[in-house]
Amino acid sequence: MSEVWLVQVAAPTEAVALKLAQGAVEARLAAGGQVVGPVTSVFWHEGEFGTGEEWQTILKTTDERYADLERFLVENHEWTNPEITALPLVAGLAPYLAWVQRTTSQ
């Protein structure tokens, strides 16, 4: 059984975040996703300190689909170096985790 991953990607607008979530789920690279925001980010970028409003797309996938999901996010994101991070889920409701695996393997 493959591991389930929680993948997060930051986006500049709600529309971009939603487009990424919809595309990933429609392609079955992720079983589901949520768009959260706006959030205020604090960061260093190209040597300058800044803050800005961002939106978060949170996706659920498997380790088997992660590389394809990451590639999709990079290819469809408007930023050159988007924030994409992933964490393996160490626990979760078994039927839910099974649903993620079934959905992304179809």
N, C-alpha and C. Protein backbone atom coordinates (compact mmCIF):
# COMPACT_ATOMS: atom_id res chain seq x y z
N MET A 1 0.85 -1.18 0.00
CA MET A 1 0.00 0.00 0.00
C MET A 1 0.89 1.24 0.00
N SER A 2 0.59 2.18 -0.87
CA SER A 2 1.39 3.40 -0.96
C SER A 2 1.02 4.37 0.15
N GLU A 3 1.95 5.29 0.41
CA GLU A 3 1.71 6.31 1.42
C GLU A 3 0.87 7.44 0.85
N VAL A 4 0.10 8.08 1.69
CA VAL A 4 -0.69 9.24 1.30
C VAL A 4 0.09 10.49 1.72
N TRP A 5 0.10 11.49 0.83
CA TRP A 5 0.84 12.72 1.05
C TRP A 5 -0.09 13.91 1.04
N LEU A 6 0.25 14.89 1.83
CA LEU A 6 -0.43 16.18 1.84
C LEU A 6 0.52 17.15 1.13
N VAL A 7 0.07 17.71 0.02
CA VAL A 7 0.90 18.59 -0.80
C VAL A 7 0.33 19.99 -0.74
N GLN A 8 1.19 20.96 -0.53
CA GLN A 8 0.77 22.37 -0.44
C GLN A 8 1.49 23.16 -1.52
N VAL A 9 0.75 24.03 -2.17
CA VAL A 9 1.35 24.96 -3.13
C VAL A 9 0.75 26.34 -2.90
N ALA A 10 1.62 27.35 -2.86
CA ALA A 10 1.17 28.73 -2.70
C ALA A 10 0.86 29.30 -4.08
N ALA A 11 -0.11 30.20 -4.14
CA ALA A 11 -0.51 30.83 -5.40
C ALA A 11 -0.80 32.31 -5.15
N PRO A 12 -0.66 33.14 -6.18
CA PRO A 12 -0.86 34.57 -5.99
C PRO A 12 -2.31 35.01 -5.86
N THR A 13 -3.24 34.22 -6.40
CA THR A 13 -4.66 34.58 -6.36
C THR A 13 -5.51 33.36 -6.11
N GLU A 14 -6.74 33.60 -5.71
CA GLU A 14 -7.68 32.50 -5.52
C GLU A 14 -7.92 31.77 -6.84
N ALA A 15 -8.04 32.51 -7.93
CA ALA A 15 -8.30 31.89 -9.24
C ALA A 15 -7.17 30.94 -9.64
N VAL A 16 -5.93 31.34 -9.42
CA VAL A 16 -4.80 30.48 -9.75
C VAL A 16 -4.80 29.25 -8.86
N ALA A 17 -5.03 29.43 -7.57
CA ALA A 17 -5.06 28.31 -6.63
C ALA A 17 -6.16 27.32 -7.01
N LEU A 18 -7.32 27.83 -7.37
CA LEU A 18 -8.43 26.96 -7.76
C LEU A 18 -8.14 26.23 -9.06
N LYS A 19 -7.53 26.91 -10.01
CA LYS A 19 -7.16 26.28 -11.29
C LYS A 19 -6.20 25.12 -11.06
N LEU A 20 -5.22 25.32 -10.19
CA LEU A 20 -4.26 24.25 -9.88
C LEU A 20 -4.96 23.07 -9.22
N ALA A 21 -5.84 23.35 -8.26
CA ALA A 21 -6.57 22.27 -7.58
C ALA A 21 -7.46 21.51 -8.56
N GLN A 22 -8.22 22.23 -9.35
CA GLN A 22 -9.13 21.57 -10.29
C GLN A 22 -8.37 20.73 -11.30
N GLY A 23 -7.31 21.27 -11.85
CA GLY A 23 -6.53 20.52 -12.84
C GLY A 23 -5.92 19.26 -12.27
N ALA A 24 -5.38 19.36 -11.06
CA ALA A 24 -4.75 18.20 -10.43
C ALA A 24 -5.76 17.12 -10.11
N VAL A 25 -6.93 17.51 -9.62
CA VAL A 25 -7.96 16.52 -9.27
C VAL A 25 -8.57 15.92 -10.53
N GLU A 26 -8.86 16.75 -11.52
CA GLU A 26 -9.42 16.22 -12.78
C GLU A 26 -8.49 15.21 -13.43
N ALA A 27 -7.18 15.43 -13.34
CA ALA A 27 -6.19 14.52 -13.91
C ALA A 27 -5.90 13.32 -13.01
N ARG A 28 -6.56 13.26 -11.86
CA ARG A 28 -6.37 12.21 -10.86
C ARG A 28 -4.94 12.14 -10.32
N LEU A 29 -4.27 13.28 -10.36
CA LEU A 29 -2.97 13.39 -9.72
C LEU A 29 -3.14 13.59 -8.22
N ALA A 30 -4.30 14.08 -7.84
CA ALA A 30 -4.69 14.24 -6.43
C ALA A 30 -6.13 13.78 -6.31
N ALA A 31 -6.45 13.23 -5.16
CA ALA A 31 -7.82 12.75 -4.93
C ALA A 31 -8.75 13.90 -4.58
N GLY A 32 -8.22 14.93 -3.97
CA GLY A 32 -9.03 16.06 -3.57
C GLY A 32 -8.14 17.21 -3.15
N GLY A 33 -8.76 18.37 -3.02
CA GLY A 33 -7.98 19.53 -2.62
C GLY A 33 -8.85 20.61 -2.03
N GLN A 34 -8.22 21.49 -1.31
CA GLN A 34 -8.89 22.66 -0.75
C GLN A 34 -8.08 23.90 -1.11
N VAL A 35 -8.80 24.99 -1.29
CA VAL A 35 -8.17 26.29 -1.50
C VAL A 35 -8.45 27.12 -0.25
N VAL A 36 -7.39 27.64 0.36
CA VAL A 36 -7.49 28.36 1.61
C VAL A 36 -6.86 29.74 1.43
N GLY A 37 -7.54 30.75 1.95
CA GLY A 37 -6.92 32.06 1.88
C GLY A 37 -7.94 33.16 1.98
N PRO A 38 -7.47 34.33 1.89
CA PRO A 38 -6.06 34.67 1.69
C PRO A 38 -5.25 34.51 2.98
N VAL A 39 -3.96 34.30 2.79
CA VAL A 39 -3.02 34.25 3.90
C VAL A 39 -1.96 35.31 3.66
N THR A 40 -1.38 35.81 4.71
CA THR A 40 -0.30 36.77 4.58
C THR A 40 1.02 36.04 4.73
N SER A 41 1.88 36.17 3.74
CA SER A 41 3.20 35.53 3.77
C SER A 41 4.26 36.57 4.07
N VAL A 42 5.27 36.13 4.79
CA VAL A 42 6.43 36.95 5.11
C VAL A 42 7.63 36.19 4.57
N PHE A 43 8.51 36.85 3.79
CA PHE A 43 9.52 36.10 3.05
C PHE A 43 10.69 36.98 2.62
N TRP A 44 11.75 36.30 2.21
CA TRP A 44 12.84 36.90 1.47
C TRP A 44 12.69 36.43 0.03
N HIS A 45 12.80 37.35 -0.92
CA HIS A 45 12.71 36.99 -2.34
C HIS A 45 13.67 37.87 -3.13
N GLU A 46 14.59 37.21 -3.83
CA GLU A 46 15.59 37.91 -4.64
C GLU A 46 16.30 38.99 -3.83
N GLY A 47 16.67 38.61 -2.59
CA GLY A 47 17.44 39.50 -1.74
C GLY A 47 16.66 40.58 -1.02
N GLU A 48 15.34 40.60 -1.20
CA GLU A 48 14.53 41.62 -0.55
C GLU A 48 13.53 40.99 0.40
N PHE A 49 13.34 41.66 1.54
CA PHE A 49 12.36 41.23 2.53
C PHE A 49 10.99 41.75 2.11
N GLY A 50 9.97 40.92 2.27
CA GLY A 50 8.65 41.39 1.88
C GLY A 50 7.52 40.64 2.55
N THR A 51 6.34 41.13 2.33
CA THR A 51 5.11 40.47 2.74
C THR A 51 4.15 40.52 1.55
N GLY A 52 3.22 39.61 1.55
CA GLY A 52 2.24 39.61 0.46
C GLY A 52 1.10 38.68 0.75
N GLU A 53 0.03 38.87 0.01
CA GLU A 53 -1.14 38.02 0.13
C GLU A 53 -1.01 36.84 -0.83
N GLU A 54 -1.27 35.65 -0.32
CA GLU A 54 -1.22 34.43 -1.13
C GLU A 54 -2.43 33.56 -0.80
N TRP A 55 -2.63 32.57 -1.61
CA TRP A 55 -3.65 31.55 -1.42
C TRP A 55 -2.95 30.20 -1.40
N GLN A 56 -3.47 29.28 -0.61
CA GLN A 56 -2.88 27.95 -0.48
C GLN A 56 -3.79 26.91 -1.13
N THR A 57 -3.19 26.05 -1.92
CA THR A 57 -3.89 24.89 -2.44
C THR A 57 -3.31 23.69 -1.70
N ILE A 58 -4.18 22.91 -1.07
CA ILE A 58 -3.76 21.73 -0.32
C ILE A 58 -4.36 20.52 -1.03
N LEU A 59 -3.50 19.60 -1.43
CA LEU A 59 -3.91 18.43 -2.22
C LEU A 59 -3.52 17.14 -1.51
N LYS A 60 -4.30 16.10 -1.73
CA LYS A 60 -3.98 14.78 -1.19
C LYS A 60 -3.66 13.84 -2.34
N THR A 61 -2.50 13.18 -2.25
CA THR A 61 -2.06 12.28 -3.30
C THR A 61 -1.29 11.12 -2.66
N THR A 62 -0.72 10.28 -3.49
CA THR A 62 0.10 9.17 -2.99
C THR A 62 1.55 9.39 -3.41
N ASP A 63 2.44 8.66 -2.75
CA ASP A 63 3.85 8.76 -3.14
C ASP A 63 4.04 8.35 -4.59
N GLU A 64 3.22 7.43 -5.08
CA GLU A 64 3.32 6.99 -6.47
C GLU A 64 2.95 8.10 -7.46
N ARG A 65 2.09 9.02 -7.08
CA ARG A 65 1.62 10.08 -7.97
C ARG A 65 2.30 11.43 -7.72
N TYR A 66 3.12 11.51 -6.65
CA TYR A 66 3.69 12.80 -6.29
C TYR A 66 4.51 13.43 -7.41
N ALA A 67 5.40 12.69 -8.03
CA ALA A 67 6.28 13.27 -9.06
C ALA A 67 5.45 13.86 -10.21
N ASP A 68 4.40 13.15 -10.63
CA ASP A 68 3.54 13.65 -11.70
C ASP A 68 2.77 14.89 -11.24
N LEU A 69 2.31 14.89 -9.99
CA LEU A 69 1.62 16.05 -9.45
C LEU A 69 2.55 17.26 -9.38
N GLU A 70 3.75 17.05 -8.89
CA GLU A 70 4.72 18.16 -8.81
C GLU A 70 4.99 18.73 -10.21
N ARG A 71 5.19 17.85 -11.18
CA ARG A 71 5.44 18.30 -12.55
C ARG A 71 4.26 19.13 -13.08
N PHE A 72 3.03 18.65 -12.84
CA PHE A 72 1.83 19.39 -13.24
C PHE A 72 1.79 20.77 -12.60
N LEU A 73 2.07 20.84 -11.30
CA LEU A 73 2.02 22.12 -10.60
C LEU A 73 3.06 23.10 -11.14
N VAL A 74 4.26 22.62 -11.38
CA VAL A 74 5.32 23.48 -11.92
C VAL A 74 4.94 23.97 -13.32
N GLU A 75 4.46 23.06 -14.16
CA GLU A 75 4.12 23.42 -15.55
C GLU A 75 2.92 24.36 -15.64
N ASN A 76 2.02 24.33 -14.66
CA ASN A 76 0.80 25.12 -14.72
C ASN A 76 0.79 26.32 -13.77
N HIS A 77 1.89 26.55 -13.10
CA HIS A 77 1.98 27.67 -12.16
C HIS A 77 2.59 28.87 -12.87
N GLU A 78 2.16 30.07 -12.51
CA GLU A 78 2.70 31.26 -13.17
C GLU A 78 4.01 31.74 -12.55
N TRP A 79 4.38 31.22 -11.37
CA TRP A 79 5.65 31.59 -10.77
C TRP A 79 6.75 30.68 -11.30
N THR A 80 7.96 31.22 -11.44
CA THR A 80 9.11 30.44 -11.91
C THR A 80 9.54 29.40 -10.89
N ASN A 81 9.47 29.77 -9.62
CA ASN A 81 9.93 28.89 -8.54
C ASN A 81 8.83 28.80 -7.48
N PRO A 82 7.73 28.09 -7.77
CA PRO A 82 6.62 28.08 -6.82
C PRO A 82 6.96 27.29 -5.55
N GLU A 83 6.31 27.72 -4.47
CA GLU A 83 6.44 26.98 -3.21
C GLU A 83 5.57 25.73 -3.30
N ILE A 84 6.23 24.58 -3.38
CA ILE A 84 5.53 23.29 -3.39
C ILE A 84 6.21 22.44 -2.32
N THR A 85 5.43 22.00 -1.34
CA THR A 85 5.97 21.16 -0.28
C THR A 85 5.04 19.96 -0.09
N ALA A 86 5.60 18.89 0.46
CA ALA A 86 4.81 17.68 0.68
C ALA A 86 5.22 17.01 1.98
N LEU A 87 4.21 16.51 2.67
CA LEU A 87 4.43 15.78 3.92
C LEU A 87 3.70 14.45 3.85
N PRO A 88 4.35 13.36 4.25
CA PRO A 88 3.63 12.09 4.32
C PRO A 88 2.68 12.12 5.52
N LEU A 89 1.50 11.58 5.33
CA LEU A 89 0.56 11.48 6.45
C LEU A 89 0.93 10.24 7.25
N VAL A 90 1.19 10.42 8.52
CA VAL A 90 1.59 9.29 9.36
C VAL A 90 0.39 8.57 9.95
N ALA A 91 -0.77 9.21 9.89
CA ALA A 91 -1.99 8.58 10.39
C ALA A 91 -3.18 9.25 9.72
N GLY A 92 -4.28 8.53 9.71
CA GLY A 92 -5.51 9.06 9.14
C GLY A 92 -6.57 7.98 9.15
N LEU A 93 -7.80 8.38 8.95
CA LEU A 93 -8.91 7.44 8.91
C LEU A 93 -8.69 6.47 7.75
N ALA A 94 -8.64 5.19 8.03
CA ALA A 94 -8.30 4.17 7.03
C ALA A 94 -9.17 4.24 5.78
N PRO A 95 -10.50 4.37 5.89
CA PRO A 95 -11.30 4.46 4.67
C PRO A 95 -10.98 5.71 3.83
N TYR A 96 -10.64 6.81 4.48
CA TYR A 96 -10.27 8.01 3.75
C TYR A 96 -8.97 7.80 3.00
N LEU A 97 -7.97 7.25 3.68
CA LEU A 97 -6.67 7.01 3.03
C LEU A 97 -6.82 6.03 1.87
N ALA A 98 -7.67 5.04 2.03
CA ALA A 98 -7.94 4.08 0.94
C ALA A 98 -8.60 4.79 -0.24
N TRP A 99 -9.50 5.74 0.05
CA TRP A 99 -10.14 6.51 -1.02
C TRP A 99 -9.11 7.31 -1.82
N VAL A 100 -8.16 7.93 -1.14
CA VAL A 100 -7.10 8.68 -1.83
C VAL A 100 -6.35 7.74 -2.77
N GLN A 101 -6.00 6.58 -2.27
CA GLN A 101 -5.25 5.63 -3.09
C GLN A 101 -6.06 5.14 -4.29
N ARG A 102 -7.33 4.80 -4.07
CA ARG A 102 -8.20 4.35 -5.17
C ARG A 102 -8.37 5.44 -6.22
N THR A 103 -8.65 6.64 -5.76
CA THR A 103 -8.95 7.73 -6.67
C THR A 103 -7.77 8.12 -7.53
N THR A 104 -6.58 8.11 -6.97
CA THR A 104 -5.40 8.51 -7.75
C THR A 104 -4.85 7.38 -8.60
N SER A 105 -5.33 6.17 -8.42
CA SER A 105 -4.84 5.04 -9.21
C SER A 105 -5.75 4.73 -10.40
N GLN A 106 -6.85 5.44 -10.53
CA GLN A 106 -7.79 5.18 -11.64
C GLN A 106 -7.37 5.90 -12.90
